Amino acid sequence: MDKPRESATTIAGRLTTWLMLCVVALSVLMVAAAYVPTRLKLLGLYSIVLGLAAGWVIGQIARQCRMHYRRVLFPAALLMTIIALSGQIGESYRVWRNSERDKLAEQSQAALIFDNPAFGETPPPTDTFKNYLSLRFSPLTESSWSLLQSAANWPRLLLGLEVLLGGLAGAFVAARLVSAPFCVTCESWHEPQRSVVLGSTAGNRCLQLLTNKEQPAIPEGGRLHLEYTSCRCSTAIPVIRCTREQPGQATSVVATVQPNRDNLAQLTTLLDGNDNAQ
């Protein structure tokens, strides 16, 4: 059965809409995150947590925009998350710098009021980006990690690693949110519909029916899990995820298949009367 193809105009429209909405949403998220109390930003996991939140936003927008192009989504989500985190760090530094300058202005004003000549001297600059990074990673500075402290650019290296990990975390979350099959006909994501657990005998028969490749037999005591997902099309054939579980071995996904109508009818007949269907 031939699957309908999407036009280049449809693909470009979805991609453009998704990118524009992501830019707006991530901008709002990162600007808001920049005003989080500085004490929370001292944690090294801050960018990773923020990356997870950005990935969730990107994935949810992708689902709403029907962006099911997984090969494009993961690298695009990675790039957008890294850019967004970099922008958040820049905005956080700007907020901190303004705060430091306000404190210095208050001290200068106090010096004029109390006529203290010591305040007339020009203090060394304390609002540089290097000082901001040193403050952000101050818990490590106070630790005994001497090898890291000996490197002149260790705060920048840590910051880059933090942003990279945050970008990967965001891209992973976004990809997971669009991992379900997508139906081009009705333009909807497949949702879970039914779950069936079979014993070894019925499970082996189902594997032979659903997969064309030779599969190792499920031994006695093992089980086969069938998870049905389908879209809104009343005529659509469900996608079935087959997972085998057997004693002494890790659970593994055997296959994710969309059977033809004949195989689906045979599978339905085989499962009729199965008490393990959920």
Protein backbone atom coordinates (compact mmCIF):
# COMPACT_ATOMS: atom_id res chain seq x y z
CA MET A 1 0.00 0.00 0.00
CA ASP A 2 1.60 3.27 -1.12
CA LYS A 3 1.86 5.95 1.53
CA PRO A 4 0.83 9.53 0.62
CA ARG A 5 3.70 11.96 0.26
CA GLU A 6 3.85 15.48 1.61
CA SER A 7 4.57 18.36 -0.73
CA ALA A 8 7.68 20.49 -0.38
CA THR A 9 5.45 23.48 0.41
CA THR A 10 3.87 21.64 3.35
CA ILE A 11 7.25 20.61 4.73
CA ALA A 12 8.69 24.12 4.37
CA GLY A 13 5.60 25.66 5.98
CA ARG A 14 5.75 23.37 8.99
CA LEU A 15 9.46 23.89 9.41
CA THR A 16 9.17 27.68 9.21
CA THR A 17 6.26 27.82 11.66
CA TRP A 18 8.05 25.51 14.08
CA LEU A 19 11.26 27.56 13.96
CA MET A 20 9.45 30.87 14.48
CA LEU A 21 7.41 29.60 17.43
CA CYS A 22 10.50 28.01 18.98
CA VAL A 23 12.46 31.25 18.71
CA VAL A 24 9.69 33.20 20.47
CA ALA A 25 9.10 30.58 23.17
CA LEU A 26 12.79 30.02 23.89
CA SER A 27 13.45 33.76 24.03
CA VAL A 28 10.75 34.20 26.68
CA LEU A 29 12.01 31.17 28.62
CA MET A 30 15.65 32.22 28.61
CA VAL A 31 14.98 35.86 29.51
CA ALA A 32 12.86 34.69 32.44
CA ALA A 33 15.61 32.23 33.46
CA ALA A 34 18.16 35.04 33.48
CA TYR A 35 16.32 36.70 36.37
CA VAL A 36 16.40 33.60 38.56
CA PRO A 37 18.32 34.33 41.80
CA THR A 38 22.06 34.08 41.27
CA ARG A 39 22.37 31.55 44.06
CA LEU A 40 20.49 28.98 41.99
CA LYS A 41 22.73 29.58 38.99
CA LEU A 42 25.78 28.56 40.98
CA LEU A 43 24.75 24.95 40.55
CA GLY A 44 26.55 23.28 37.66
CA LEU A 45 23.35 21.50 36.64
CA TYR A 46 21.45 24.73 36.01
CA SER A 47 22.06 24.76 32.25
CA ILE A 48 21.21 21.06 31.98
CA VAL A 49 17.90 21.54 33.78
CA LEU A 50 17.20 24.57 31.62
CA GLY A 51 18.13 22.53 28.53
CA LEU A 52 15.60 19.85 29.52
CA ALA A 53 12.93 22.53 29.83
CA ALA A 54 13.89 23.98 26.44
CA GLY A 55 13.76 20.52 24.86
CA TRP A 56 10.28 19.95 26.27
CA VAL A 57 9.13 23.28 24.79
CA ILE A 58 10.70 22.47 21.41
CA GLY A 59 9.13 19.00 21.36
CA GLN A 60 5.66 20.22 22.31
CA ILE A 61 5.75 22.89 19.61
CA ALA A 62 6.93 20.24 17.13
CA ARG A 63 3.93 18.06 17.96
CA GLN A 64 1.54 20.98 17.50
CA CYS A 65 3.19 21.90 14.18
CA ARG A 66 3.18 18.26 12.97
CA MET A 67 6.99 18.36 12.75
CA HIS A 68 7.65 14.64 12.44
CA TYR A 69 10.93 14.90 10.50
CA ARG A 70 13.19 13.29 13.10
CA ARG A 71 16.39 13.58 11.06
CA VAL A 72 15.96 17.35 11.01
CA LEU A 73 14.51 17.79 14.49
CA PHE A 74 17.36 16.42 16.61
CA PRO A 75 20.23 18.54 15.17
CA ALA A 76 17.95 21.58 14.92
CA ALA A 77 16.82 21.15 18.54
CA LEU A 78 20.44 20.73 19.62
CA LEU A 79 21.50 23.91 17.83
CA MET A 80 18.54 25.94 19.11
CA THR A 81 19.05 24.79 22.70
CA ILE A 82 22.76 25.64 22.64
CA ILE A 83 22.03 29.09 21.18
CA ALA A 84 19.26 29.67 23.72
CA LEU A 85 21.48 28.65 26.64
CA SER A 86 24.27 30.89 25.37
CA GLY A 87 21.83 33.78 25.16
CA GLN A 88 20.60 33.05 28.68
CA ILE A 89 24.15 33.14 30.01
CA GLY A 90 24.78 36.45 28.26
CA GLU A 91 21.58 37.93 29.69
CA SER A 92 22.43 36.58 33.17
CA TYR A 93 25.82 38.24 32.96
CA ARG A 94 24.22 41.55 31.92
CA VAL A 95 21.81 41.42 34.87
CA TRP A 96 24.64 40.61 37.28
CA ARG A 97 26.87 43.36 35.84
CA ASN A 98 24.13 45.96 36.21
CA SER A 99 23.60 44.83 39.78
CA GLU A 100 27.31 45.19 40.56
CA ARG A 101 27.40 48.65 39.00
CA ASP A 102 24.37 49.71 41.02
CA LYS A 103 26.15 48.59 44.19
CA LEU A 104 29.26 50.57 43.20
CA ALA A 105 27.13 53.64 42.48
CA GLU A 106 25.54 53.35 45.92
CA GLN A 107 28.97 53.12 47.56
CA SER A 108 30.16 56.19 45.64
CA GLN A 109 27.06 58.09 46.70
CA ALA A 110 27.66 57.11 50.31
CA ALA A 111 31.26 58.32 50.03
CA LEU A 112 30.11 61.73 48.86
CA ILE A 113 27.60 61.99 51.66
CA PHE A 114 30.06 61.03 54.40
CA ASP A 115 33.03 62.80 52.75
CA ASN A 116 35.23 59.69 52.82
CA PRO A 117 38.32 60.27 50.60
CA ALA A 118 38.98 56.56 50.30
CA PHE A 119 35.98 56.25 48.08
CA GLY A 120 37.38 58.80 45.70
CA GLU A 121 39.89 56.31 44.33
CA THR A 122 38.90 54.39 41.21
CA PRO A 123 38.27 50.77 42.24
CA PRO A 124 39.42 47.93 40.00
CA PRO A 125 36.71 46.57 37.70
CA THR A 126 34.80 43.69 39.32
CA ASP A 127 32.05 43.21 36.79
CA THR A 128 33.98 41.38 34.07
CA PHE A 129 32.73 38.16 32.52
CA LYS A 130 35.69 36.32 34.03
CA ASN A 131 34.64 37.39 37.52
CA TYR A 132 31.07 36.37 36.78
CA LEU A 133 32.19 32.86 35.78
CA SER A 134 34.41 32.62 38.87
CA LEU A 135 31.41 33.48 41.00
CA ARG A 136 29.20 31.00 39.17
CA PHE A 137 31.65 28.14 39.72
CA SER A 138 32.74 29.29 43.17
CA PRO A 139 31.82 25.94 44.81
CA LEU A 140 34.52 24.29 42.68
CA THR A 141 37.01 27.03 43.50
CA GLU A 142 36.55 26.30 47.19
CA SER A 143 37.06 22.57 46.65
CA SER A 144 40.32 20.65 46.39
CA TRP A 145 40.09 20.17 42.62
CA SER A 146 43.57 21.61 42.10
CA LEU A 147 44.08 20.27 38.57
CA LEU A 148 41.00 22.10 37.34
CA GLN A 149 41.90 25.29 39.16
CA SER A 150 45.40 25.32 37.65
CA ALA A 151 44.01 25.81 34.15
CA ALA A 152 43.64 29.49 33.31
CA ASN A 153 40.45 29.02 31.28
CA TRP A 154 38.79 26.35 33.40
CA PRO A 155 35.62 28.43 34.05
CA ARG A 156 35.09 28.86 30.31
CA LEU A 157 35.75 25.18 29.68
CA LEU A 158 33.23 24.21 32.35
CA LEU A 159 30.72 26.64 30.94
CA GLY A 160 31.14 25.19 27.45
CA LEU A 161 30.72 21.66 28.77
CA GLU A 162 27.64 22.70 30.71
CA VAL A 163 26.05 24.28 27.64
CA LEU A 164 26.88 21.26 25.48
CA LEU A 165 25.33 18.85 27.98
CA GLY A 166 22.29 21.08 28.27
CA GLY A 167 21.93 21.14 24.47
CA LEU A 168 22.17 17.34 24.24
CA ALA A 169 19.64 16.93 27.04
CA GLY A 170 17.22 19.29 25.31
CA ALA A 171 17.62 17.60 21.92
CA PHE A 172 17.04 14.18 23.51
CA VAL A 173 13.82 15.32 25.19
CA ALA A 174 12.55 16.95 21.99
CA ALA A 175 13.30 13.80 19.97
CA ARG A 176 11.52 11.61 22.51
CA LEU A 177 8.38 13.73 22.30
CA VAL A 178 8.14 13.14 18.54
CA SER A 179 9.26 9.51 18.59
CA ALA A 180 5.72 8.20 18.02
CA PRO A 181 4.75 7.34 14.41
CA PHE A 182 2.99 10.07 12.44
CA CYS A 183 0.15 9.52 9.99
CA VAL A 184 0.44 11.73 6.90
CA THR A 185 -3.15 10.99 5.83
CA CYS A 186 -4.92 12.44 8.87
CA GLU A 187 -1.92 14.47 10.08
CA SER A 188 -1.98 13.11 13.62
CA TRP A 189 0.43 11.34 15.93
CA HIS A 190 -0.12 7.71 16.81
CA GLU A 191 -1.37 7.32 20.37
CA PRO A 192 -1.38 4.18 22.58
CA GLN A 193 -4.56 2.17 22.06
CA ARG A 194 -4.05 -1.33 23.38
CA SER A 195 -1.51 -3.48 25.21
CA VAL A 196 -1.36 -7.28 25.04
CA VAL A 197 0.87 -9.67 26.98
CA LEU A 198 1.31 -13.17 25.54
CA GLY A 199 2.97 -16.34 26.76
CA SER A 200 5.76 -18.09 24.90
CA THR A 201 3.50 -20.26 22.66
CA ALA A 202 1.21 -17.49 21.42
CA GLY A 203 4.13 -15.04 21.41
CA ASN A 204 6.19 -17.16 19.02
CA ARG A 205 3.24 -17.44 16.65
CA CYS A 206 2.80 -13.67 16.69
CA LEU A 207 6.49 -13.10 15.96
CA GLN A 208 6.32 -15.38 12.93
CA LEU A 209 3.24 -13.55 11.73
CA LEU A 210 4.46 -9.98 12.25
CA THR A 211 8.15 -10.22 11.30
CA ASN A 212 9.63 -11.52 8.10
CA LYS A 213 13.05 -12.14 9.63
CA GLU A 214 13.94 -15.30 11.53
CA GLN A 215 13.48 -14.62 15.25
CA PRO A 216 14.84 -16.64 18.19
CA ALA A 217 12.05 -18.57 19.88
CA ILE A 218 10.77 -17.25 23.20
CA PRO A 219 11.53 -19.95 25.79
CA GLU A 220 9.10 -21.29 28.36
CA GLY A 221 8.45 -18.65 30.98
CA GLY A 222 9.12 -15.79 28.58
CA ARG A 223 6.52 -13.28 27.41
CA LEU A 224 5.84 -11.05 24.42
CA HIS A 225 4.39 -7.56 24.84
CA LEU A 226 2.40 -6.04 21.99
CA GLU A 227 1.73 -2.31 22.19
CA TYR A 228 -0.78 -0.95 19.65
CA THR A 229 -0.66 2.69 18.55
CA SER A 230 -2.90 4.31 15.97
CA CYS A 231 -3.83 7.69 14.54
CA ARG A 232 -7.24 9.30 14.00
CA CYS A 233 -7.81 7.60 10.64
CA SER A 234 -10.61 5.08 10.96
CA THR A 235 -9.05 3.04 8.15
CA ALA A 236 -5.45 3.29 9.36
CA ILE A 237 -3.60 0.11 10.29
CA PRO A 238 -2.05 0.34 13.76
CA VAL A 239 1.66 0.26 14.43
CA ILE A 240 2.62 -2.59 16.77
CA ARG A 241 5.70 -2.54 18.99
CA CYS A 242 6.89 -6.05 19.93
CA THR A 243 8.95 -6.40 23.11
CA ARG A 244 10.21 -9.73 24.42
CA GLU A 245 10.80 -10.50 28.07
CA GLN A 246 12.42 -13.73 29.23
CA PRO A 247 14.11 -14.94 32.42
CA GLY A 248 17.78 -14.09 32.83
CA GLN A 249 17.88 -11.59 29.95
CA ALA A 250 17.22 -7.90 29.57
CA THR A 251 13.94 -6.80 28.02
CA SER A 252 14.46 -5.99 24.35
CA VAL A 253 12.39 -4.54 21.51
CA VAL A 254 12.13 -7.11 18.73
CA ALA A 255 10.47 -4.97 16.10
CA THR A 256 8.11 -2.07 15.44
CA VAL A 257 5.90 -3.02 12.50
CA GLN A 258 2.79 -1.92 10.66
CA PRO A 259 1.24 -5.15 9.36
CA ASN A 260 -0.83 -5.38 6.22
CA ARG A 261 -4.56 -6.04 6.46
CA ASP A 262 -4.28 -9.81 6.05
CA ASN A 263 -1.67 -10.14 8.80
CA LEU A 264 -3.66 -7.82 11.05
CA ALA A 265 -6.78 -9.94 10.57
CA GLN A 266 -4.83 -13.12 11.39
CA LEU A 267 -3.32 -11.44 14.45
CA THR A 268 -6.76 -10.32 15.66
CA THR A 269 -8.07 -13.87 15.30
CA LEU A 270 -5.08 -15.18 17.23
CA LEU A 271 -5.59 -12.69 20.06
CA ASP A 272 -9.36 -13.20 20.37
CA GLY A 273 -10.11 -14.63 23.74
CA ASN A 274 -6.70 -13.76 25.17
CA ASP A 275 -7.21 -13.01 28.87
CA ASN A 276 -3.99 -11.00 29.12
CA ALA A 277 -5.15 -8.20 26.82
CA GLN A 278 -5.11 -4.86 28.62
